[in-house]
């Protein structure tokens, strides 16, 4: 089911693949599968991948070669979100 959601929700934005999926809300095995499907789509199209992750979920994306690009806060007391990117491989 996660595979269908990933493939149906990816959007191409210039040279970046963005995905409206919460991989970290899944079990570990499904979360890894979800992240791999996102990166497989981007790699096949030779595109960068960008996402925003919480400090609890970013370890999943580090395992899939994402790098932290920026820290994002909506307000000064809001939780930190991490803008993460991954070049095509």
PDB file of N, CA and C in Angstrom:
ATOM      1  N   UNK A   1       0.814  -1.191   0.000  1.00  0.00           N
ATOM      2  CA  UNK A   1       0.000   0.000   0.000  1.00  0.00           C
ATOM      3  C   UNK A   1       0.861   1.260   0.000  1.00  0.00           C
ATOM      4  N   UNK A   2       1.952   1.277   0.744  1.00  0.00           N
ATOM      5  CA  UNK A   2       2.841   2.444   0.772  1.00  0.00           C
ATOM      6  C   UNK A   2       3.429   2.701  -0.605  1.00  0.00           C
ATOM      7  N   UNK A   3       3.733   1.642  -1.350  1.00  0.00           N
ATOM      8  CA  UNK A   3       4.324   1.799  -2.677  1.00  0.00           C
ATOM      9  C   UNK A   3       3.392   2.574  -3.598  1.00  0.00           C
ATOM     10  N   UNK A   4       2.121   2.253  -3.581  1.00  0.00           N
ATOM     11  CA  UNK A   4       1.156   2.944  -4.424  1.00  0.00           C
ATOM     12  C   UNK A   4       1.051   4.401  -4.014  1.00  0.00           C
ATOM     13  N   UNK A   5       1.027   4.660  -2.714  1.00  0.00           N
ATOM     14  CA  UNK A   5       0.921   6.039  -2.226  1.00  0.00           C
ATOM     15  C   UNK A   5       2.112   6.862  -2.684  1.00  0.00           C
ATOM     16  N   UNK A   6       3.294   6.308  -2.604  1.00  0.00           N
ATOM     17  CA  UNK A   6       4.502   7.040  -3.010  1.00  0.00           C
ATOM     18  C   UNK A   6       4.442   7.359  -4.490  1.00  0.00           C
ATOM     19  N   UNK A   7       4.123   6.378  -5.313  1.00  0.00           N
ATOM     20  CA  UNK A   7       4.133   6.595  -6.751  1.00  0.00           C
ATOM     21  C   UNK A   7       3.031   7.552  -7.185  1.00  0.00           C
ATOM     22  N   UNK A   8       1.917   7.568  -6.517  1.00  0.00           N
ATOM     23  CA  UNK A   8       0.823   8.440  -6.912  1.00  0.00           C
ATOM     24  C   UNK A   8       0.966   9.852  -6.381  1.00  0.00           C
ATOM     25  N   UNK A   9       1.811  10.086  -5.397  1.00  0.00           N
ATOM     26  CA  UNK A   9       1.882  11.402  -4.798  1.00  0.00           C
ATOM     27  C   UNK A   9       3.152  12.164  -5.136  1.00  0.00           C
ATOM     28  N   UNK A  10       4.074  11.613  -5.919  1.00  0.00           N
ATOM     29  CA  UNK A  10       5.296  12.375  -6.175  1.00  0.00           C
ATOM     30  C   UNK A  10       5.034  13.474  -7.202  1.00  0.00           C
ATOM     31  N   UNK A  11       5.703  14.591  -7.009  1.00  0.00           N
ATOM     32  CA  UNK A  11       5.541  15.754  -7.865  1.00  0.00           C
ATOM     33  C   UNK A  11       6.905  16.181  -8.373  1.00  0.00           C
ATOM     34  N   UNK A  12       7.010  16.528  -9.630  1.00  0.00           N
ATOM     35  CA  UNK A  12       8.262  17.018 -10.171  1.00  0.00           C
ATOM     36  C   UNK A  12       8.264  18.542 -10.113  1.00  0.00           C
ATOM     37  N   UNK A  13       9.288  19.109  -9.529  1.00  0.00           N
ATOM     38  CA  UNK A  13       9.436  20.551  -9.450  1.00  0.00           C
ATOM     39  C   UNK A  13      10.812  20.873 -10.003  1.00  0.00           C
ATOM     40  N   UNK A  14      10.890  21.376 -11.199  1.00  0.00           N
ATOM     41  CA  UNK A  14      12.132  21.603 -11.931  1.00  0.00           C
ATOM     42  C   UNK A  14      13.020  20.363 -11.827  1.00  0.00           C
ATOM     43  N   UNK A  15      14.139  20.465 -11.137  1.00  0.00           N
ATOM     44  CA  UNK A  15      15.047  19.321 -11.025  1.00  0.00           C
ATOM     45  C   UNK A  15      14.985  18.666  -9.660  1.00  0.00           C
ATOM     46  N   UNK A  16      13.852  18.777  -8.978  1.00  0.00           N
ATOM     47  CA  UNK A  16      13.718  18.236  -7.624  1.00  0.00           C
ATOM     48  C   UNK A  16      12.493  17.332  -7.563  1.00  0.00           C
ATOM     49  N   UNK A  17      12.614  16.214  -6.884  1.00  0.00           N
ATOM     50  CA  UNK A  17      11.462  15.364  -6.605  1.00  0.00           C
ATOM     51  C   UNK A  17      11.036  15.646  -5.171  1.00  0.00           C
ATOM     52  N   UNK A  18       9.780  16.017  -4.988  1.00  0.00           N
ATOM     53  CA  UNK A  18       9.235  16.174  -3.644  1.00  0.00           C
ATOM     54  C   UNK A  18       8.173  15.101  -3.453  1.00  0.00           C
ATOM     55  N   UNK A  19       7.944  14.723  -2.243  1.00  0.00           N
ATOM     56  CA  UNK A  19       6.991  13.657  -1.998  1.00  0.00           C
ATOM     57  C   UNK A  19       6.172  13.963  -0.760  1.00  0.00           C
ATOM     58  N   UNK A  20       4.866  13.833  -0.879  1.00  0.00           N
ATOM     59  CA  UNK A  20       3.946  14.131   0.212  1.00  0.00           C
ATOM     60  C   UNK A  20       3.615  12.838   0.950  1.00  0.00           C
ATOM     61  N   UNK A  21       4.612  12.269   1.607  1.00  0.00           N
ATOM     62  CA  UNK A  21       4.449  10.995   2.309  1.00  0.00           C
ATOM     63  C   UNK A  21       5.167  11.086   3.649  1.00  0.00           C
ATOM     64  N   UNK A  22       4.554  10.559   4.690  1.00  0.00           N
ATOM     65  CA  UNK A  22       5.199  10.504   5.997  1.00  0.00           C
ATOM     66  C   UNK A  22       5.799   9.125   6.199  1.00  0.00           C
ATOM     67  N   UNK A  23       6.994   8.918   5.722  1.00  0.00           N
ATOM     68  CA  UNK A  23       7.642   7.612   5.855  1.00  0.00           C
ATOM     69  C   UNK A  23       7.890   7.258   7.308  1.00  0.00           C
ATOM     70  N   UNK A  24       8.212   8.239   8.121  1.00  0.00           N
ATOM     71  CA  UNK A  24       8.594   7.939   9.498  1.00  0.00           C
ATOM     72  C   UNK A  24       7.426   7.493  10.362  1.00  0.00           C
ATOM     73  N   UNK A  25       6.199   7.618   9.881  1.00  0.00           N
ATOM     74  CA  UNK A  25       5.055   7.147  10.659  1.00  0.00           C
ATOM     75  C   UNK A  25       4.814   5.653  10.448  1.00  0.00           C
ATOM     76  N   UNK A  26       5.580   5.045   9.575  1.00  0.00           N
ATOM     77  CA  UNK A  26       5.436   3.627   9.272  1.00  0.00           C
ATOM     78  C   UNK A  26       6.382   2.803  10.140  1.00  0.00           C
ATOM     79  N   UNK A  27       6.252   1.485  10.100  1.00  0.00           N
ATOM     80  CA  UNK A  27       7.207   0.635  10.803  1.00  0.00           C
ATOM     81  C   UNK A  27       8.575   0.794  10.151  1.00  0.00           C
ATOM     82  N   UNK A  28       9.641   0.367  10.830  1.00  0.00           N
ATOM     83  CA  UNK A  28      10.992   0.550  10.294  1.00  0.00           C
ATOM     84  C   UNK A  28      11.162  -0.022   8.894  1.00  0.00           C
ATOM     85  N   UNK A  29      10.703  -1.237   8.673  1.00  0.00           N
ATOM     86  CA  UNK A  29      10.878  -1.873   7.364  1.00  0.00           C
ATOM     87  C   UNK A  29      10.095  -1.119   6.292  1.00  0.00           C
ATOM     88  N   UNK A  30       8.864  -0.731   6.597  1.00  0.00           N
ATOM     89  CA  UNK A  30       8.064   0.011   5.623  1.00  0.00           C
ATOM     90  C   UNK A  30       8.623   1.408   5.396  1.00  0.00           C
ATOM     91  N   UNK A  31       9.144   2.034   6.437  1.00  0.00           N
ATOM     92  CA  UNK A  31       9.726   3.368   6.294  1.00  0.00           C
ATOM     93  C   UNK A  31      10.943   3.325   5.381  1.00  0.00           C
ATOM     94  N   UNK A  32      11.800   2.322   5.543  1.00  0.00           N
ATOM     95  CA  UNK A  32      12.953   2.169   4.652  1.00  0.00           C
ATOM     96  C   UNK A  32      12.498   1.933   3.218  1.00  0.00           C
ATOM     97  N   UNK A  33      11.483   1.096   3.034  1.00  0.00           N
ATOM     98  CA  UNK A  33      10.955   0.821   1.699  1.00  0.00           C
ATOM     99  C   UNK A  33      10.390   2.092   1.073  1.00  0.00           C
ATOM    100  N   UNK A  34       9.679   2.863   1.853  1.00  0.00           N
ATOM    101  CA  UNK A  34       9.107   4.121   1.380  1.00  0.00           C
ATOM    102  C   UNK A  34      10.220   5.073   0.918  1.00  0.00           C
ATOM    103  N   UNK A  35      11.237   5.243   1.733  1.00  0.00           N
ATOM    104  CA  UNK A  35      12.349   6.138   1.385  1.00  0.00           C
ATOM    105  C   UNK A  35      13.075   5.641   0.144  1.00  0.00           C
ATOM    106  N   UNK A  36      13.256   4.329   0.029  1.00  0.00           N
ATOM    107  CA  UNK A  36      13.931   3.770  -1.151  1.00  0.00           C
ATOM    108  C   UNK A  36      13.113   4.016  -2.410  1.00  0.00           C
ATOM    109  N   UNK A  37      11.804   3.910  -2.329  1.00  0.00           N
ATOM    110  CA  UNK A  37      10.983   4.161  -3.508  1.00  0.00           C
ATOM    111  C   UNK A  37      11.058   5.620  -3.939  1.00  0.00           C
ATOM    112  N   UNK A  38      11.084   6.526  -2.977  1.00  0.00           N
ATOM    113  CA  UNK A  38      11.219   7.949  -3.301  1.00  0.00           C
ATOM    114  C   UNK A  38      12.549   8.197  -4.005  1.00  0.00           C
ATOM    115  N   UNK A  39      13.632   7.665  -3.454  1.00  0.00           N
ATOM    116  CA  UNK A  39      14.949   7.909  -4.048  1.00  0.00           C
ATOM    117  C   UNK A  39      15.106   7.174  -5.377  1.00  0.00           C
ATOM    118  N   UNK A  40      14.473   6.023  -5.525  1.00  0.00           N
ATOM    119  CA  UNK A  40      14.527   5.311  -6.813  1.00  0.00           C
ATOM    120  C   UNK A  40      13.875   6.135  -7.923  1.00  0.00           C
ATOM    121  N   UNK A  41      12.748   6.769  -7.618  1.00  0.00           N
ATOM    122  CA  UNK A  41      12.075   7.626  -8.600  1.00  0.00           C
ATOM    123  C   UNK A  41      12.997   8.781  -8.991  1.00  0.00           C
ATOM    124  N   UNK A  42      13.569   9.434  -7.996  1.00  0.00           N
ATOM    125  CA  UNK A  42      14.450  10.577  -8.261  1.00  0.00           C
ATOM    126  C   UNK A  42      15.689  10.152  -9.045  1.00  0.00           C
ATOM    127  N   UNK A  43      16.293   9.036  -8.663  1.00  0.00           N
ATOM    128  CA  UNK A  43      17.498   8.571  -9.359  1.00  0.00           C
ATOM    129  C   UNK A  43      17.197   8.227 -10.815  1.00  0.00           C
ATOM    130  N   UNK A  44      16.069   7.577 -11.059  1.00  0.00           N
ATOM    131  CA  UNK A  44      15.701   7.192 -12.423  1.00  0.00           C
ATOM    132  C   UNK A  44      15.508   8.418 -13.316  1.00  0.00           C
ATOM    133  N   UNK A  45      15.089   9.528 -12.705  1.00  0.00           N
ATOM    134  CA  UNK A  45      14.865  10.755 -13.461  1.00  0.00           C
ATOM    135  C   UNK A  45      16.007  11.759 -13.306  1.00  0.00           C
ATOM    136  N   UNK A  46      17.102  11.306 -12.663  1.00  0.00           N
ATOM    137  CA  UNK A  46      18.292  12.136 -12.453  1.00  0.00           C
ATOM    138  C   UNK A  46      17.938  13.459 -11.787  1.00  0.00           C
ATOM    139  N   UNK A  47      17.153  13.388 -10.712  1.00  0.00           N
ATOM    140  CA  UNK A  47      16.683  14.575 -10.005  1.00  0.00           C
ATOM    141  C   UNK A  47      17.122  14.549  -8.549  1.00  0.00           C
ATOM    142  N   UNK A  48      17.298  15.732  -7.985  1.00  0.00           N
ATOM    143  CA  UNK A  48      17.511  15.882  -6.554  1.00  0.00           C
ATOM    144  C   UNK A  48      16.232  15.522  -5.827  1.00  0.00           C
ATOM    145  N   UNK A  49      16.347  15.111  -4.578  1.00  0.00           N
ATOM    146  CA  UNK A  49      15.199  14.868  -3.721  1.00  0.00           C
ATOM    147  C   UNK A  49      15.295  15.812  -2.530  1.00  0.00           C
ATOM    148  N   UNK A  50      14.187  16.460  -2.188  1.00  0.00           N
ATOM    149  CA  UNK A  50      14.133  17.365  -1.051  1.00  0.00           C
ATOM    150  C   UNK A  50      12.981  16.956  -0.151  1.00  0.00           C
ATOM    151  N   UNK A  51      13.196  17.035   1.155  1.00  0.00           N
ATOM    152  CA  UNK A  51      12.119  16.770   2.113  1.00  0.00           C
ATOM    153  C   UNK A  51      12.383  17.552   3.376  1.00  0.00           C
ATOM    154  N   UNK A  52      11.367  17.625   4.203  1.00  0.00           N
ATOM    155  CA  UNK A  52      11.505  18.244   5.512  1.00  0.00           C
ATOM    156  C   UNK A  52      11.207  17.180   6.556  1.00  0.00           C
ATOM    157  N   UNK A  53      12.127  17.012   7.492  1.00  0.00           N
ATOM    158  CA  UNK A  53      12.015  15.952   8.488  1.00  0.00           C
ATOM    159  C   UNK A  53      12.073  16.537   9.896  1.00  0.00           C
ATOM    160  N   UNK A  54      11.439  15.834  10.818  1.00  0.00           N
ATOM    161  CA  UNK A  54      11.529  16.225  12.227  1.00  0.00           C
ATOM    162  C   UNK A  54      12.848  15.713  12.792  1.00  0.00           C
ATOM    163  N   UNK A  55      13.210  16.212  13.972  1.00  0.00           N
ATOM    164  CA  UNK A  55      14.443  15.719  14.590  1.00  0.00           C
ATOM    165  C   UNK A  55      14.306  14.258  15.009  1.00  0.00           C
ATOM    166  N   UNK A  56      13.073  13.764  15.170  1.00  0.00           N
ATOM    167  CA  UNK A  56      12.897  12.342  15.502  1.00  0.00           C
ATOM    168  C   UNK A  56      13.032  11.454  14.264  1.00  0.00           C
ATOM    169  N   UNK A  57      12.706  11.976  13.087  1.00  0.00           N
ATOM    170  CA  UNK A  57      12.675  11.138  11.896  1.00  0.00           C
ATOM    171  C   UNK A  57      13.854  11.272  10.950  1.00  0.00           C
ATOM    172  N   UNK A  58      14.727  12.235  11.196  1.00  0.00           N
ATOM    173  CA  UNK A  58      15.756  12.487  10.195  1.00  0.00           C
ATOM    174  C   UNK A  58      16.776  11.359  10.061  1.00  0.00           C
ATOM    175  N   UNK A  59      16.922  10.532  11.086  1.00  0.00           N
ATOM    176  CA  UNK A  59      17.881   9.417  11.001  1.00  0.00           C
ATOM    177  C   UNK A  59      17.529   8.464   9.863  1.00  0.00           C
ATOM    178  N   UNK A  60      16.240   8.273   9.615  1.00  0.00           N
ATOM    179  CA  UNK A  60      15.802   7.430   8.500  1.00  0.00           C
ATOM    180  C   UNK A  60      16.388   7.954   7.199  1.00  0.00           C
ATOM    181  N   UNK A  61      16.313   9.252   6.984  1.00  0.00           N
ATOM    182  CA  UNK A  61      16.749   9.835   5.717  1.00  0.00           C
ATOM    183  C   UNK A  61      18.269   9.913   5.614  1.00  0.00           C
ATOM    184  N   UNK A  62      18.960  10.072   6.738  1.00  0.00           N
ATOM    185  CA  UNK A  62      20.431  10.024   6.735  1.00  0.00           C
ATOM    186  C   UNK A  62      20.891   8.667   6.191  1.00  0.00           C
ATOM    187  N   UNK A  63      20.204   7.599   6.588  1.00  0.00           N
ATOM    188  CA  UNK A  63      20.550   6.248   6.093  1.00  0.00           C
ATOM    189  C   UNK A  63      20.388   6.131   4.582  1.00  0.00           C
ATOM    190  N   UNK A  64      19.604   7.009   3.992  1.00  0.00           N
ATOM    191  CA  UNK A  64      19.356   6.959   2.548  1.00  0.00           C
ATOM    192  C   UNK A  64      20.060   8.104   1.819  1.00  0.00           C
ATOM    193  N   UNK A  65      21.168   8.569   2.387  1.00  0.00           N
ATOM    194  CA  UNK A  65      22.082   9.545   1.768  1.00  0.00           C
ATOM    195  C   UNK A  65      21.553  10.973   1.697  1.00  0.00           C
ATOM    196  N   UNK A  66      20.545  11.302   2.489  1.00  0.00           N
ATOM    197  CA  UNK A  66      20.104  12.689   2.566  1.00  0.00           C
ATOM    198  C   UNK A  66      21.047  13.451   3.487  1.00  0.00           C
ATOM    199  N   UNK A  67      21.199  14.747   3.221  1.00  0.00           N
ATOM    200  CA  UNK A  67      22.012  15.619   4.053  1.00  0.00           C
ATOM    201  C   UNK A  67      21.138  16.762   4.570  1.00  0.00           C
ATOM    202  N   UNK A  68      21.418  17.225   5.775  1.00  0.00           N
ATOM    203  CA  UNK A  68      20.691  18.370   6.316  1.00  0.00           C
ATOM    204  C   UNK A  68      21.175  19.618   5.588  1.00  0.00           C
ATOM    205  N   UNK A  69      20.242  20.357   4.980  1.00  0.00           N
ATOM    206  CA  UNK A  69      20.565  21.582   4.253  1.00  0.00           C
ATOM    207  C   UNK A  69      20.265  22.831   5.064  1.00  0.00           C
ATOM    208  N   UNK A  70      19.211  22.750   5.900  1.00  0.00           N
ATOM    209  CA  UNK A  70      18.817  23.920   6.686  1.00  0.00           C
ATOM    210  C   UNK A  70      17.921  23.503   7.844  1.00  0.00           C
ATOM    211  N   UNK A  71      17.899  24.354   8.865  1.00  0.00           N
ATOM    212  CA  UNK A  71      16.960  24.182   9.974  1.00  0.00           C
ATOM    213  C   UNK A  71      15.828  25.172   9.768  1.00  0.00           C
ATOM    214  N   UNK A  72      14.601  24.696   9.929  1.00  0.00           N
ATOM    215  CA  UNK A  72      13.425  25.523   9.684  1.00  0.00           C
ATOM    216  C   UNK A  72      12.585  25.624  10.952  1.00  0.00           C
ATOM    217  N   UNK A  73      12.089  26.821  11.239  1.00  0.00           N
ATOM    218  CA  UNK A  73      11.161  27.044  12.360  1.00  0.00           C
ATOM    219  C   UNK A  73      10.066  27.988  11.893  1.00  0.00           C
ATOM    220  N   UNK A  74       8.834  27.638  12.170  1.00  0.00           N
ATOM    221  CA  UNK A  74       7.719  28.511  11.816  1.00  0.00           C
ATOM    222  C   UNK A  74       7.685  29.710  12.756  1.00  0.00           C
ATOM    223  N   UNK A  75       7.888  29.452  14.038  1.00  0.00           N
ATOM    224  CA  UNK A  75       7.980  30.501  15.047  1.00  0.00           C
ATOM    225  C   UNK A  75       9.174  30.164  15.940  1.00  0.00           C
ATOM    226  N   UNK A  76       9.673  31.117  16.724  1.00  0.00           N
ATOM    227  CA  UNK A  76      10.844  30.833  17.560  1.00  0.00           C
ATOM    228  C   UNK A  76      10.656  29.668  18.535  1.00  0.00           C
ATOM    229  N   UNK A  77       9.424  29.431  18.988  1.00  0.00           N
ATOM    230  CA  UNK A  77       9.217  28.346  19.943  1.00  0.00           C
ATOM    231  C   UNK A  77       8.698  27.059  19.289  1.00  0.00           C
ATOM    232  N   UNK A  78       8.604  27.047  17.976  1.00  0.00           N
ATOM    233  CA  UNK A  78       8.146  25.851  17.256  1.00  0.00           C
ATOM    234  C   UNK A  78       9.263  24.810  17.200  1.00  0.00           C
ATOM    235  N   UNK A  79       8.903  23.543  17.054  1.00  0.00           N
ATOM    236  CA  UNK A  79       9.932  22.505  16.905  1.00  0.00           C
ATOM    237  C   UNK A  79      10.743  22.732  15.624  1.00  0.00           C
ATOM    238  N   UNK A  80      11.980  22.313  15.657  1.00  0.00           N
ATOM    239  CA  UNK A  80      12.855  22.431  14.491  1.00  0.00           C
ATOM    240  C   UNK A  80      12.472  21.374  13.461  1.00  0.00           C
ATOM    241  N   UNK A  81      12.351  21.805  12.217  1.00  0.00           N
ATOM    242  CA  UNK A  81      12.221  20.892  11.088  1.00  0.00           C
ATOM    243  C   UNK A  81      13.506  21.018  10.284  1.00  0.00           C
ATOM    244  N   UNK A  82      13.942  19.928   9.705  1.00  0.00           N
ATOM    245  CA  UNK A  82      15.189  19.918   8.968  1.00  0.00           C
ATOM    246  C   UNK A  82      14.912  19.786   7.482  1.00  0.00           C
ATOM    247  N   UNK A  83      15.331  20.771   6.709  1.00  0.00           N
ATOM    248  CA  UNK A  83      15.277  20.671   5.260  1.00  0.00           C
ATOM    249  C   UNK A  83      16.426  19.787   4.814  1.00  0.00           C
ATOM    250  N   UNK A  84      16.111  18.692   4.117  1.00  0.00           N
ATOM    251  CA  UNK A  84      17.125  17.708   3.747  1.00  0.00           C
ATOM    252  C   UNK A  84      17.113  17.490   2.222  1.00  0.00           C
ATOM    253  N   UNK A  85      18.277  17.265   1.663  1.00  0.00           N
ATOM    254  CA  UNK A  85      18.382  17.044   0.221  1.00  0.00           C
ATOM    255  C   UNK A  85      19.269  15.855  -0.086  1.00  0.00           C
ATOM    256  N   UNK A  86      19.080  15.307  -1.276  1.00  0.00           N
ATOM    257  CA  UNK A  86      19.870  14.171  -1.743  1.00  0.00           C
ATOM    258  C   UNK A  86      20.035  14.298  -3.254  1.00  0.00           C
ATOM    259  N   UNK A  87      21.293  14.341  -3.741  1.00  0.00           N
ATOM    260  CA  UNK A  87      21.500  14.410  -5.182  1.00  0.00           C
ATOM    261  C   UNK A  87      21.184  13.060  -5.832  1.00  0.00           C
ATOM    262  N   UNK A  88      20.917  13.047  -7.128  1.00  0.00           N
ATOM    263  CA  UNK A  88      20.681  11.756  -7.793  1.00  0.00           C
ATOM    264  C   UNK A  88      21.926  10.883  -7.712  1.00  0.00           C
ATOM    265  N   UNK A  89      21.712   9.605  -7.601  1.00  0.00           N
ATOM    266  CA  UNK A  89      22.840   8.660  -7.514  1.00  0.00           C
ATOM    267  C   UNK A  89      22.689   7.558  -8.544  1.00  0.00           C
TER     268      UNK A  89
END
